[in-house]
Amino acid sequence: MIDPVPLPLLVGFAAILVILVAGSVASIRLSGIRARVATWWVIALLVGGGILAGQLAVVILFACISFMALREYLSLAPTRQADRPALLFAYAVVPVAYLFIGLDWYGITLVAIPVYAFLLLPAILVLNGRTSGYLASAGILHWGLVVTVYNLGYAPMLMNVPDIEAPAGGAGLLFFLLVATSLNDVFQYIAGRLIGGPKILPSISPNKTWAGFLGGVVGTAVVVVALTPFFTGLPAVPTAILAIVLPVAGFAGDVTMSAIKRDLGVKDTSKLLPGHGGVLDRVDSLTFTAPLTFHIFAFFASDRF
């Protein structure tokens, strides 16, 4: 028997549908956003379908997202020809890490990449006998694994939260995280375009302004406070913490990836998603918001974690 979908989640999906339809209507006149809106439809259908299908589908979906994000990152990052065994190891970590998440092995998931991949990667790199560029390669590979696999893995890990611990279950928590993170990007963009003003990090992301950053923080904080009773059930103090931390973390993830792309001399990590760039461009904020949101919920509201 299929479990009924929690009412807050149904309402949330309906709201997303309305927004997408409105965006599609707007794109008839604004041809510049057509590709972006079309891509949002694909993203919404894949992620929404995965959430409705359950934990296994979400784990598989995010494993694919992590693999593509890691591939984009490694295709851009400077690595040596001799690093190939380590690169293959990095790719092999993806299914193993998500297997642990799918099996709900929380303890080993927490240490698999930060500890064991951290130990194995430099050991594999040292076998090629080349010391020139060794430290850079070790850092590049491990940082990529942490960001694209370990950090993103906290999003599907929310599906392992027992239904009794959240008003709309683990699926509702994941929906909350994705919506809040996405709206933070939207609020930053709108506030930045409407208000303008001083640039916040002109050498890294010239289009970002203080007004956009503060608009994102305020707008997302309101969303977090409004949705918390229906999706997280957090008390007032952790809700306030999350309302501040989530938008700041999203901004940090965005500008961190911007700094990397500027360092490498590229605008987007790929052209896989029309109107958005690459997978890593789309999930850059999520790589920071997912672990922070998970740990705030786990610390304040979960007995399971």
C-alpha atoms as a PDB file:
ATOM      1  CA  MET A   1       0.000   0.000   0.000  1.00  0.00           C
ATOM      2  CA  ILE A   2       1.356   3.443  -0.950  1.00  0.00           C
ATOM      3  CA  ASP A   3       1.615   5.876   1.942  1.00  0.00           C
ATOM      4  CA  PRO A   4      -0.479   9.035   1.520  1.00  0.00           C
ATOM      5  CA  VAL A   5       1.411  12.196   0.625  1.00  0.00           C
ATOM      6  CA  PRO A   6       1.410  14.673   3.539  1.00  0.00           C
ATOM      7  CA  LEU A   7      -0.879  17.651   2.955  1.00  0.00           C
ATOM      8  CA  PRO A   8       1.893  20.295   3.321  1.00  0.00           C
ATOM      9  CA  LEU A   9       3.840  18.509   0.599  1.00  0.00           C
ATOM     10  CA  LEU A  10       0.820  18.412  -1.720  1.00  0.00           C
ATOM     11  CA  VAL A  11       0.223  22.115  -1.186  1.00  0.00           C
ATOM     12  CA  GLY A  12       3.905  22.781  -1.781  1.00  0.00           C
ATOM     13  CA  PHE A  13       3.905  20.876  -5.073  1.00  0.00           C
ATOM     14  CA  ALA A  14       0.759  22.739  -6.144  1.00  0.00           C
ATOM     15  CA  ALA A  15       2.449  26.072  -5.406  1.00  0.00           C
ATOM     16  CA  ILE A  16       5.500  25.070  -7.456  1.00  0.00           C
ATOM     17  CA  LEU A  17       3.212  24.081 -10.321  1.00  0.00           C
ATOM     18  CA  VAL A  18       1.491  27.474 -10.229  1.00  0.00           C
ATOM     19  CA  ILE A  19       4.861  29.269 -10.257  1.00  0.00           C
ATOM     20  CA  LEU A  20       6.085  27.207 -13.213  1.00  0.00           C
ATOM     21  CA  VAL A  21       2.907  27.849 -15.178  1.00  0.00           C
ATOM     22  CA  ALA A  22       3.210  31.569 -14.447  1.00  0.00           C
ATOM     23  CA  GLY A  23       6.828  31.486 -15.557  1.00  0.00           C
ATOM     24  CA  SER A  24       5.871  29.703 -18.767  1.00  0.00           C
ATOM     25  CA  VAL A  25       3.237  32.357 -19.514  1.00  0.00           C
ATOM     26  CA  ALA A  26       5.770  35.110 -18.813  1.00  0.00           C
ATOM     27  CA  SER A  27       8.304  33.453 -21.110  1.00  0.00           C
ATOM     28  CA  ILE A  28       5.930  33.927 -24.044  1.00  0.00           C
ATOM     29  CA  ARG A  29       6.711  37.643 -23.917  1.00  0.00           C
ATOM     30  CA  LEU A  30      10.199  37.391 -22.378  1.00  0.00           C
ATOM     31  CA  SER A  31      12.011  35.105 -24.782  1.00  0.00           C
ATOM     32  CA  GLY A  32      15.239  35.465 -22.806  1.00  0.00           C
ATOM     33  CA  ILE A  33      13.930  33.314 -19.971  1.00  0.00           C
ATOM     34  CA  ARG A  34      12.369  30.521 -22.060  1.00  0.00           C
ATOM     35  CA  ALA A  35      15.318  28.160 -21.812  1.00  0.00           C
ATOM     36  CA  ARG A  36      15.633  28.810 -18.085  1.00  0.00           C
ATOM     37  CA  VAL A  37      11.947  28.143 -17.442  1.00  0.00           C
ATOM     38  CA  ALA A  38      11.975  24.998 -19.588  1.00  0.00           C
ATOM     39  CA  THR A  39      14.921  23.682 -17.585  1.00  0.00           C
ATOM     40  CA  TRP A  40      13.108  24.461 -14.338  1.00  0.00           C
ATOM     41  CA  TRP A  41      10.219  22.274 -15.546  1.00  0.00           C
ATOM     42  CA  VAL A  42      12.606  19.369 -16.082  1.00  0.00           C
ATOM     43  CA  ILE A  43      14.276  19.897 -12.704  1.00  0.00           C
ATOM     44  CA  ALA A  44      10.925  20.156 -10.894  1.00  0.00           C
ATOM     45  CA  LEU A  45       9.560  17.019 -12.554  1.00  0.00           C
ATOM     46  CA  LEU A  46      12.670  14.977 -11.797  1.00  0.00           C
ATOM     47  CA  VAL A  47      13.054  16.126  -8.189  1.00  0.00           C
ATOM     48  CA  GLY A  48       9.311  16.163  -7.438  1.00  0.00           C
ATOM     49  CA  GLY A  49       8.880  12.735  -8.982  1.00  0.00           C
ATOM     50  CA  GLY A  50      11.818  11.436  -6.985  1.00  0.00           C
ATOM     51  CA  ILE A  51      10.445  12.773  -3.709  1.00  0.00           C
ATOM     52  CA  LEU A  52       7.037  11.224  -4.391  1.00  0.00           C
ATOM     53  CA  ALA A  53       8.642   7.906  -5.391  1.00  0.00           C
ATOM     54  CA  GLY A  54      10.431   7.641  -2.060  1.00  0.00           C
ATOM     55  CA  GLN A  55      13.844   7.326  -0.465  1.00  0.00           C
ATOM     56  CA  LEU A  56      15.440   4.970  -2.989  1.00  0.00           C
ATOM     57  CA  ALA A  57      14.504   7.174  -5.941  1.00  0.00           C
ATOM     58  CA  VAL A  58      15.867  10.268  -4.181  1.00  0.00           C
ATOM     59  CA  VAL A  59      19.151   8.518  -3.354  1.00  0.00           C
ATOM     60  CA  ILE A  60      19.590   7.398  -6.978  1.00  0.00           C
ATOM     61  CA  LEU A  61      18.697  10.876  -8.274  1.00  0.00           C
ATOM     62  CA  PHE A  62      21.193  12.632  -6.014  1.00  0.00           C
ATOM     63  CA  ALA A  63      23.860  10.029  -6.746  1.00  0.00           C
ATOM     64  CA  CYS A  64      23.490  10.977 -10.411  1.00  0.00           C
ATOM     65  CA  ILE A  65      23.584  14.684  -9.532  1.00  0.00           C
ATOM     66  CA  SER A  66      26.744  14.204  -7.456  1.00  0.00           C
ATOM     67  CA  PHE A  67      28.399  12.177 -10.207  1.00  0.00           C
ATOM     68  CA  MET A  68      27.655  14.850 -12.825  1.00  0.00           C
ATOM     69  CA  ALA A  69      28.739  17.671 -10.500  1.00  0.00           C
ATOM     70  CA  LEU A  70      31.988  15.851  -9.672  1.00  0.00           C
ATOM     71  CA  ARG A  71      32.601  15.184 -13.361  1.00  0.00           C
ATOM     72  CA  GLU A  72      32.128  18.873 -14.189  1.00  0.00           C
ATOM     73  CA  TYR A  73      34.453  19.865 -11.374  1.00  0.00           C
ATOM     74  CA  LEU A  74      37.193  17.399 -12.338  1.00  0.00           C
ATOM     75  CA  SER A  75      36.916  18.321 -16.016  1.00  0.00           C
ATOM     76  CA  LEU A  76      37.773  21.911 -15.081  1.00  0.00           C
ATOM     77  CA  ALA A  77      40.184  21.438 -12.169  1.00  0.00           C
ATOM     78  CA  PRO A  78      43.885  21.200 -13.028  1.00  0.00           C
ATOM     79  CA  THR A  79      44.981  17.572 -12.554  1.00  0.00           C
ATOM     80  CA  ARG A  80      47.999  15.614 -13.755  1.00  0.00           C
ATOM     81  CA  GLN A  81      48.057  12.743 -16.245  1.00  0.00           C
ATOM     82  CA  ALA A  82      49.489  10.569 -13.492  1.00  0.00           C
ATOM     83  CA  ASP A  83      46.429  11.248 -11.296  1.00  0.00           C
ATOM     84  CA  ARG A  84      44.150   8.937 -13.296  1.00  0.00           C
ATOM     85  CA  PRO A  85      43.997   6.134 -10.679  1.00  0.00           C
ATOM     86  CA  ALA A  86      42.998   8.718  -8.065  1.00  0.00           C
ATOM     87  CA  LEU A  87      40.386  10.172 -10.416  1.00  0.00           C
ATOM     88  CA  LEU A  88      38.873   6.727 -10.925  1.00  0.00           C
ATOM     89  CA  PHE A  89      38.852   6.258  -7.159  1.00  0.00           C
ATOM     90  CA  ALA A  90      37.049   9.593  -6.734  1.00  0.00           C
ATOM     91  CA  TYR A  91      34.322   8.536  -9.165  1.00  0.00           C
ATOM     92  CA  ALA A  92      34.030   5.150  -7.439  1.00  0.00           C
ATOM     93  CA  VAL A  93      33.398   6.917  -4.124  1.00  0.00           C
ATOM     94  CA  VAL A  94      30.062   8.266  -5.428  1.00  0.00           C
ATOM     95  CA  PRO A  95      28.085   4.978  -5.553  1.00  0.00           C
ATOM     96  CA  VAL A  96      29.676   3.770  -2.314  1.00  0.00           C
ATOM     97  CA  ALA A  97      28.798   6.976  -0.441  1.00  0.00           C
ATOM     98  CA  TYR A  98      25.211   6.886  -1.672  1.00  0.00           C
ATOM     99  CA  LEU A  99      24.920   3.181  -0.877  1.00  0.00           C
ATOM    100  CA  PHE A 100      25.671   4.074   2.739  1.00  0.00           C
ATOM    101  CA  ILE A 101      22.997   6.793   2.612  1.00  0.00           C
ATOM    102  CA  GLY A 102      20.482   4.416   1.031  1.00  0.00           C
ATOM    103  CA  LEU A 103      21.169   1.804   3.712  1.00  0.00           C
ATOM    104  CA  ASP A 104      20.812   4.523   6.370  1.00  0.00           C
ATOM    105  CA  TRP A 105      24.278   3.843   7.770  1.00  0.00           C
ATOM    106  CA  TYR A 106      24.579   7.243   9.339  1.00  0.00           C
ATOM    107  CA  GLY A 107      27.792   6.659  11.285  1.00  0.00           C
ATOM    108  CA  ILE A 108      29.856   5.417   8.352  1.00  0.00           C
ATOM    109  CA  THR A 109      28.358   8.075   6.053  1.00  0.00           C
ATOM    110  CA  LEU A 110      29.716  10.786   8.338  1.00  0.00           C
ATOM    111  CA  VAL A 111      33.305   9.524   8.126  1.00  0.00           C
ATOM    112  CA  ALA A 112      33.557   7.763   4.746  1.00  0.00           C
ATOM    113  CA  ILE A 113      34.734  10.799   2.764  1.00  0.00           C
ATOM    114  CA  PRO A 114      36.168  13.162   5.428  1.00  0.00           C
ATOM    115  CA  VAL A 115      38.277  10.360   6.975  1.00  0.00           C
ATOM    116  CA  TYR A 116      38.712   7.326   4.735  1.00  0.00           C
ATOM    117  CA  ALA A 117      38.689   8.988   1.319  1.00  0.00           C
ATOM    118  CA  PHE A 118      40.959  11.630   2.854  1.00  0.00           C
ATOM    119  CA  LEU A 119      43.421   8.872   3.784  1.00  0.00           C
ATOM    120  CA  LEU A 120      43.147   6.776   0.618  1.00  0.00           C
ATOM    121  CA  LEU A 121      43.338   9.550  -1.997  1.00  0.00           C
ATOM    122  CA  PRO A 122      46.835  10.796  -1.068  1.00  0.00           C
ATOM    123  CA  ALA A 123      47.994   7.191  -0.669  1.00  0.00           C
ATOM    124  CA  ILE A 124      46.871   6.426  -4.231  1.00  0.00           C
ATOM    125  CA  LEU A 125      48.447   9.635  -5.509  1.00  0.00           C
ATOM    126  CA  VAL A 126      51.802   8.819  -3.942  1.00  0.00           C
ATOM    127  CA  LEU A 127      51.989   5.521  -5.834  1.00  0.00           C
ATOM    128  CA  ASN A 128      52.691   7.294  -9.119  1.00  0.00           C
ATOM    129  CA  GLY A 129      56.006   8.484  -7.701  1.00  0.00           C
ATOM    130  CA  ARG A 130      55.554  12.099  -8.745  1.00  0.00           C
ATOM    131  CA  THR A 131      55.989  14.724  -6.047  1.00  0.00           C
ATOM    132  CA  SER A 132      55.597  17.766  -8.299  1.00  0.00           C
ATOM    133  CA  GLY A 133      52.053  19.029  -7.827  1.00  0.00           C
ATOM    134  CA  TYR A 134      51.271  16.283  -5.293  1.00  0.00           C
ATOM    135  CA  LEU A 135      49.808  18.528  -2.598  1.00  0.00           C
ATOM    136  CA  ALA A 136      47.715  20.492  -5.090  1.00  0.00           C
ATOM    137  CA  SER A 137      46.268  17.302  -6.606  1.00  0.00           C
ATOM    138  CA  ALA A 138      45.438  15.843  -3.192  1.00  0.00           C
ATOM    139  CA  GLY A 139      43.660  19.029  -2.134  1.00  0.00           C
ATOM    140  CA  ILE A 140      41.790  19.469  -5.422  1.00  0.00           C
ATOM    141  CA  LEU A 141      40.488  15.898  -5.461  1.00  0.00           C
ATOM    142  CA  HIS A 142      39.435  15.753  -1.835  1.00  0.00           C
ATOM    143  CA  TRP A 143      37.799  19.191  -1.891  1.00  0.00           C
ATOM    144  CA  GLY A 144      35.792  18.112  -4.925  1.00  0.00           C
ATOM    145  CA  LEU A 145      34.616  14.953  -3.197  1.00  0.00           C
ATOM    146  CA  VAL A 146      33.581  16.832  -0.067  1.00  0.00           C
ATOM    147  CA  VAL A 147      31.610  19.483  -1.943  1.00  0.00           C
ATOM    148  CA  THR A 148      29.961  17.453  -4.707  1.00  0.00           C
ATOM    149  CA  VAL A 149      29.403  14.141  -2.901  1.00  0.00           C
ATOM    150  CA  TYR A 150      29.647  14.509   0.878  1.00  0.00           C
ATOM    151  CA  ASN A 151      27.890  17.864   1.226  1.00  0.00           C
ATOM    152  CA  LEU A 152      25.214  17.145  -1.395  1.00  0.00           C
ATOM    153  CA  GLY A 153      24.600  13.769   0.241  1.00  0.00           C
ATOM    154  CA  TYR A 154      23.063  15.515   3.230  1.00  0.00           C
ATOM    155  CA  ALA A 155      20.046  16.423   1.083  1.00  0.00           C
ATOM    156  CA  PRO A 156      18.870  12.824   0.424  1.00  0.00           C
ATOM    157  CA  MET A 157      19.899  11.928   3.981  1.00  0.00           C
ATOM    158  CA  LEU A 158      16.939  14.006   5.127  1.00  0.00           C
ATOM    159  CA  MET A 159      14.716  11.275   3.654  1.00  0.00           C
ATOM    160  CA  ASN A 160      16.011   8.988   6.425  1.00  0.00           C
ATOM    161  CA  VAL A 161      14.474  11.196   9.131  1.00  0.00           C
ATOM    162  CA  PRO A 162      11.624   9.233  10.774  1.00  0.00           C
ATOM    163  CA  ASP A 163       8.196  10.567   9.799  1.00  0.00           C
ATOM    164  CA  ILE A 164       7.339  11.127  13.443  1.00  0.00           C
ATOM    165  CA  GLU A 165      10.140  13.685  13.812  1.00  0.00           C
ATOM    166  CA  ALA A 166       8.888  16.134  11.151  1.00  0.00           C
ATOM    167  CA  PRO A 167       5.352  17.332  10.301  1.00  0.00           C
ATOM    168  CA  ALA A 168       5.658  16.219   6.663  1.00  0.00           C
ATOM    169  CA  GLY A 169       8.282  13.528   7.196  1.00  0.00           C
ATOM    170  CA  GLY A 170      11.728  13.332   5.621  1.00  0.00           C
ATOM    171  CA  ALA A 171      10.265  14.108   2.200  1.00  0.00           C
ATOM    172  CA  GLY A 172       8.874  17.364   3.565  1.00  0.00           C
ATOM    173  CA  LEU A 173      12.269  18.283   5.008  1.00  0.00           C
ATOM    174  CA  LEU A 174      13.945  17.724   1.651  1.00  0.00           C
ATOM    175  CA  PHE A 175      11.258  19.763  -0.105  1.00  0.00           C
ATOM    176  CA  PHE A 176      11.730  22.558   2.448  1.00  0.00           C
ATOM    177  CA  LEU A 177      15.509  22.584   1.927  1.00  0.00           C
ATOM    178  CA  LEU A 178      15.267  22.687  -1.875  1.00  0.00           C
ATOM    179  CA  VAL A 179      12.582  25.382  -1.937  1.00  0.00           C
ATOM    180  CA  ALA A 180      14.311  27.625   0.614  1.00  0.00           C
ATOM    181  CA  THR A 181      17.675  27.292  -1.140  1.00  0.00           C
ATOM    182  CA  SER A 182      16.194  28.004  -4.582  1.00  0.00           C
ATOM    183  CA  LEU A 183      14.155  30.967  -3.370  1.00  0.00           C
ATOM    184  CA  ASN A 184      17.253  32.418  -1.737  1.00  0.00           C
ATOM    185  CA  ASP A 185      18.881  32.563  -5.190  1.00  0.00           C
ATOM    186  CA  VAL A 186      15.723  34.137  -6.631  1.00  0.00           C
ATOM    187  CA  PHE A 187      15.448  36.762  -3.866  1.00  0.00           C
ATOM    188  CA  GLN A 188      19.110  37.701  -4.250  1.00  0.00           C
ATOM    189  CA  TYR A 189      18.694  38.118  -7.997  1.00  0.00           C
ATOM    190  CA  ILE A 190      15.486  40.182  -7.760  1.00  0.00           C
ATOM    191  CA  ALA A 191      16.718  42.454  -4.963  1.00  0.00           C
ATOM    192  CA  GLY A 192      20.028  42.958  -6.722  1.00  0.00           C
ATOM    193  CA  ARG A 193      18.380  43.882 -10.007  1.00  0.00           C
ATOM    194  CA  LEU A 194      15.711  46.152  -8.506  1.00  0.00           C
ATOM    195  CA  ILE A 195      17.838  47.978  -5.955  1.00  0.00           C
ATOM    196  CA  GLY A 196      21.374  47.659  -7.266  1.00  0.00           C
ATOM    197  CA  GLY A 197      23.892  49.573  -5.187  1.00  0.00           C
ATOM    198  CA  PRO A 198      27.409  48.704  -4.020  1.00  0.00           C
ATOM    199  CA  LYS A 199      28.967  45.430  -5.136  1.00  0.00           C
ATOM    200  CA  ILE A 200      29.640  42.930  -2.382  1.00  0.00           C
ATOM    201  CA  LEU A 201      32.458  40.945  -4.051  1.00  0.00           C
ATOM    202  CA  PRO A 202      33.231  42.695  -7.334  1.00  0.00           C
ATOM    203  CA  SER A 203      36.409  40.737  -8.061  1.00  0.00           C
ATOM    204  CA  ILE A 204      34.625  37.381  -7.685  1.00  0.00           C
ATOM    205  CA  SER A 205      30.995  37.908  -8.660  1.00  0.00           C
ATOM    206  CA  PRO A 206      30.519  41.362 -10.235  1.00  0.00           C
ATOM    207  CA  ASN A 207      26.719  41.091 -10.433  1.00  0.00           C
ATOM    208  CA  LYS A 208      26.187  40.508  -6.702  1.00  0.00           C
ATOM    209  CA  THR A 209      25.361  43.500  -4.552  1.00  0.00           C
ATOM    210  CA  TRP A 210      24.844  44.139  -0.864  1.00  0.00           C
ATOM    211  CA  ALA A 211      21.181  44.790  -1.626  1.00  0.00           C
ATOM    212  CA  GLY A 212      20.890  41.405  -3.307  1.00  0.00           C
ATOM    213  CA  PHE A 213      22.584  39.641  -0.415  1.00  0.00           C
ATOM    214  CA  LEU A 214      20.426  41.344   2.228  1.00  0.00           C
ATOM    215  CA  GLY A 215      17.295  40.871   0.113  1.00  0.00           C
ATOM    216  CA  GLY A 216      18.075  37.163  -0.070  1.00  0.00           C
ATOM    217  CA  VAL A 217      18.618  36.937   3.683  1.00  0.00           C
ATOM    218  CA  VAL A 218      15.407  38.772   4.550  1.00  0.00           C
ATOM    219  CA  GLY A 219      13.232  37.065   1.932  1.00  0.00           C
ATOM    220  CA  THR A 220      14.536  33.584   2.723  1.00  0.00           C
ATOM    221  CA  ALA A 221      14.245  34.169   6.469  1.00  0.00           C
ATOM    222  CA  VAL A 222      10.554  34.979   5.989  1.00  0.00           C
ATOM    223  CA  VAL A 223      10.090  31.803   3.928  1.00  0.00           C
ATOM    224  CA  VAL A 224      11.895  29.673   6.522  1.00  0.00           C
ATOM    225  CA  VAL A 225       9.799  31.068   9.379  1.00  0.00           C
ATOM    226  CA  ALA A 226       6.569  30.679   7.377  1.00  0.00           C
ATOM    227  CA  LEU A 227       7.246  27.078   6.264  1.00  0.00           C
ATOM    228  CA  THR A 228       8.858  25.726   9.443  1.00  0.00           C
ATOM    229  CA  PRO A 229       5.581  24.818  11.235  1.00  0.00           C
ATOM    230  CA  PHE A 230       4.513  22.718   8.241  1.00  0.00           C
ATOM    231  CA  PHE A 231       7.808  21.065   7.318  1.00  0.00           C
ATOM    232  CA  THR A 232      10.431  21.121  10.085  1.00  0.00           C
ATOM    233  CA  GLY A 233       8.537  21.618  13.330  1.00  0.00           C
ATOM    234  CA  LEU A 234      11.585  23.339  14.837  1.00  0.00           C
ATOM    235  CA  PRO A 235      11.113  25.479  17.966  1.00  0.00           C
ATOM    236  CA  ALA A 236      11.524  29.249  17.800  1.00  0.00           C
ATOM    237  CA  VAL A 237      15.257  29.517  18.564  1.00  0.00           C
ATOM    238  CA  PRO A 238      16.528  26.947  16.024  1.00  0.00           C
ATOM    239  CA  THR A 239      14.070  28.337  13.483  1.00  0.00           C
ATOM    240  CA  ALA A 240      15.656  31.764  13.935  1.00  0.00           C
ATOM    241  CA  ILE A 241      19.116  30.233  13.592  1.00  0.00           C
ATOM    242  CA  LEU A 242      18.120  28.391  10.425  1.00  0.00           C
ATOM    243  CA  ALA A 243      16.434  31.511   9.011  1.00  0.00           C
ATOM    244  CA  ILE A 244      19.766  33.359   9.228  1.00  0.00           C
ATOM    245  CA  VAL A 245      22.209  30.541   8.506  1.00  0.00           C
ATOM    246  CA  LEU A 246      20.504  29.064   5.438  1.00  0.00           C
ATOM    247  CA  PRO A 247      20.537  32.170   3.192  1.00  0.00           C
ATOM    248  CA  VAL A 248      24.059  33.116   4.283  1.00  0.00           C
ATOM    249  CA  ALA A 249      25.236  29.571   3.550  1.00  0.00           C
ATOM    250  CA  GLY A 250      23.524  29.646   0.159  1.00  0.00           C
ATOM    251  CA  PHE A 251      25.292  32.875  -0.710  1.00  0.00           C
ATOM    252  CA  ALA A 252      28.614  31.426   0.470  1.00  0.00           C
ATOM    253  CA  GLY A 253      28.182  28.335  -1.710  1.00  0.00           C
ATOM    254  CA  ASP A 254      27.354  30.487  -4.715  1.00  0.00           C
ATOM    255  CA  VAL A 255      30.329  32.842  -4.411  1.00  0.00           C
ATOM    256  CA  THR A 256      32.706  30.003  -3.540  1.00  0.00           C
ATOM    257  CA  MET A 257      31.915  28.315  -6.845  1.00  0.00           C
ATOM    258  CA  SER A 258      32.140  31.706  -8.588  1.00  0.00           C
ATOM    259  CA  ALA A 259      35.658  32.127  -7.183  1.00  0.00           C
ATOM    260  CA  ILE A 260      36.655  28.703  -8.497  1.00  0.00           C
ATOM    261  CA  LYS A 261      35.241  29.407 -11.959  1.00  0.00           C
ATOM    262  CA  ARG A 262      36.947  32.796 -12.079  1.00  0.00           C
ATOM    263  CA  ASP A 263      40.220  31.155 -11.045  1.00  0.00           C
ATOM    264  CA  LEU A 264      39.818  28.628 -13.867  1.00  0.00           C
ATOM    265  CA  GLY A 265      38.677  31.235 -16.380  1.00  0.00           C
ATOM    266  CA  VAL A 266      35.221  29.801 -17.133  1.00  0.00           C
ATOM    267  CA  LYS A 267      31.714  31.245 -16.852  1.00  0.00           C
ATOM    268  CA  ASP A 268      29.794  27.995 -16.335  1.00  0.00           C
ATOM    269  CA  THR A 269      30.860  24.516 -15.268  1.00  0.00           C
ATOM    270  CA  SER A 270      29.127  23.100 -18.384  1.00  0.00           C
ATOM    271  CA  LYS A 271      26.226  23.769 -20.759  1.00  0.00           C
ATOM    272  CA  LEU A 272      24.160  20.759 -19.705  1.00  0.00           C
ATOM    273  CA  LEU A 273      21.255  22.817 -18.324  1.00  0.00           C
ATOM    274  CA  PRO A 274      20.092  25.491 -20.810  1.00  0.00           C
ATOM    275  CA  GLY A 275      19.731  28.838 -19.103  1.00  0.00           C
ATOM    276  CA  HIS A 276      21.467  27.617 -15.961  1.00  0.00           C
ATOM    277  CA  GLY A 277      24.899  26.382 -17.032  1.00  0.00           C
ATOM    278  CA  GLY A 278      26.024  23.113 -15.522  1.00  0.00           C
ATOM    279  CA  VAL A 279      24.785  20.869 -12.732  1.00  0.00           C
ATOM    280  CA  LEU A 280      27.365  22.321 -10.380  1.00  0.00           C
ATOM    281  CA  ASP A 281      26.201  25.836 -11.246  1.00  0.00           C
ATOM    282  CA  ARG A 282      22.670  24.835 -10.236  1.00  0.00           C
ATOM    283  CA  VAL A 283      23.578  23.112  -6.936  1.00  0.00           C
ATOM    284  CA  ASP A 284      26.398  25.376  -5.753  1.00  0.00           C
ATOM    285  CA  SER A 285      24.244  26.939  -3.018  1.00  0.00           C
ATOM    286  CA  LEU A 286      22.873  23.531  -2.006  1.00  0.00           C
ATOM    287  CA  THR A 287      26.375  22.218  -1.342  1.00  0.00           C
ATOM    288  CA  PHE A 288      26.498  24.602   1.631  1.00  0.00           C
ATOM    289  CA  THR A 289      22.854  24.722   2.745  1.00  0.00           C
ATOM    290  CA  ALA A 290      22.279  20.942   2.799  1.00  0.00           C
ATOM    291  CA  PRO A 291      24.781  19.976   5.549  1.00  0.00           C
ATOM    292  CA  LEU A 292      23.980  23.017   7.684  1.00  0.00           C
ATOM    293  CA  THR A 293      20.211  22.477   7.477  1.00  0.00           C
ATOM    294  CA  PHE A 294      20.586  18.782   8.241  1.00  0.00           C
ATOM    295  CA  HIS A 295      22.763  19.363  11.306  1.00  0.00           C
ATOM    296  CA  ILE A 296      20.581  22.141  12.710  1.00  0.00           C
ATOM    297  CA  PHE A 297      17.559  19.852  12.454  1.00  0.00           C
ATOM    298  CA  ALA A 298      19.493  16.856  13.800  1.00  0.00           C
ATOM    299  CA  PHE A 299      20.794  18.806  16.801  1.00  0.00           C
ATOM    300  CA  PHE A 300      17.543  20.492  17.796  1.00  0.00           C
ATOM    301  CA  ALA A 301      14.767  18.139  16.703  1.00  0.00           C
ATOM    302  CA  SER A 302      15.956  14.621  15.932  1.00  0.00           C
ATOM    303  CA  ASP A 303      16.485  11.668  18.239  1.00  0.00           C
ATOM    304  CA  ARG A 304      17.446   9.470  15.273  1.00  0.00           C
ATOM    305  CA  PHE A 305      20.546  11.517  14.422  1.00  0.00           C
END
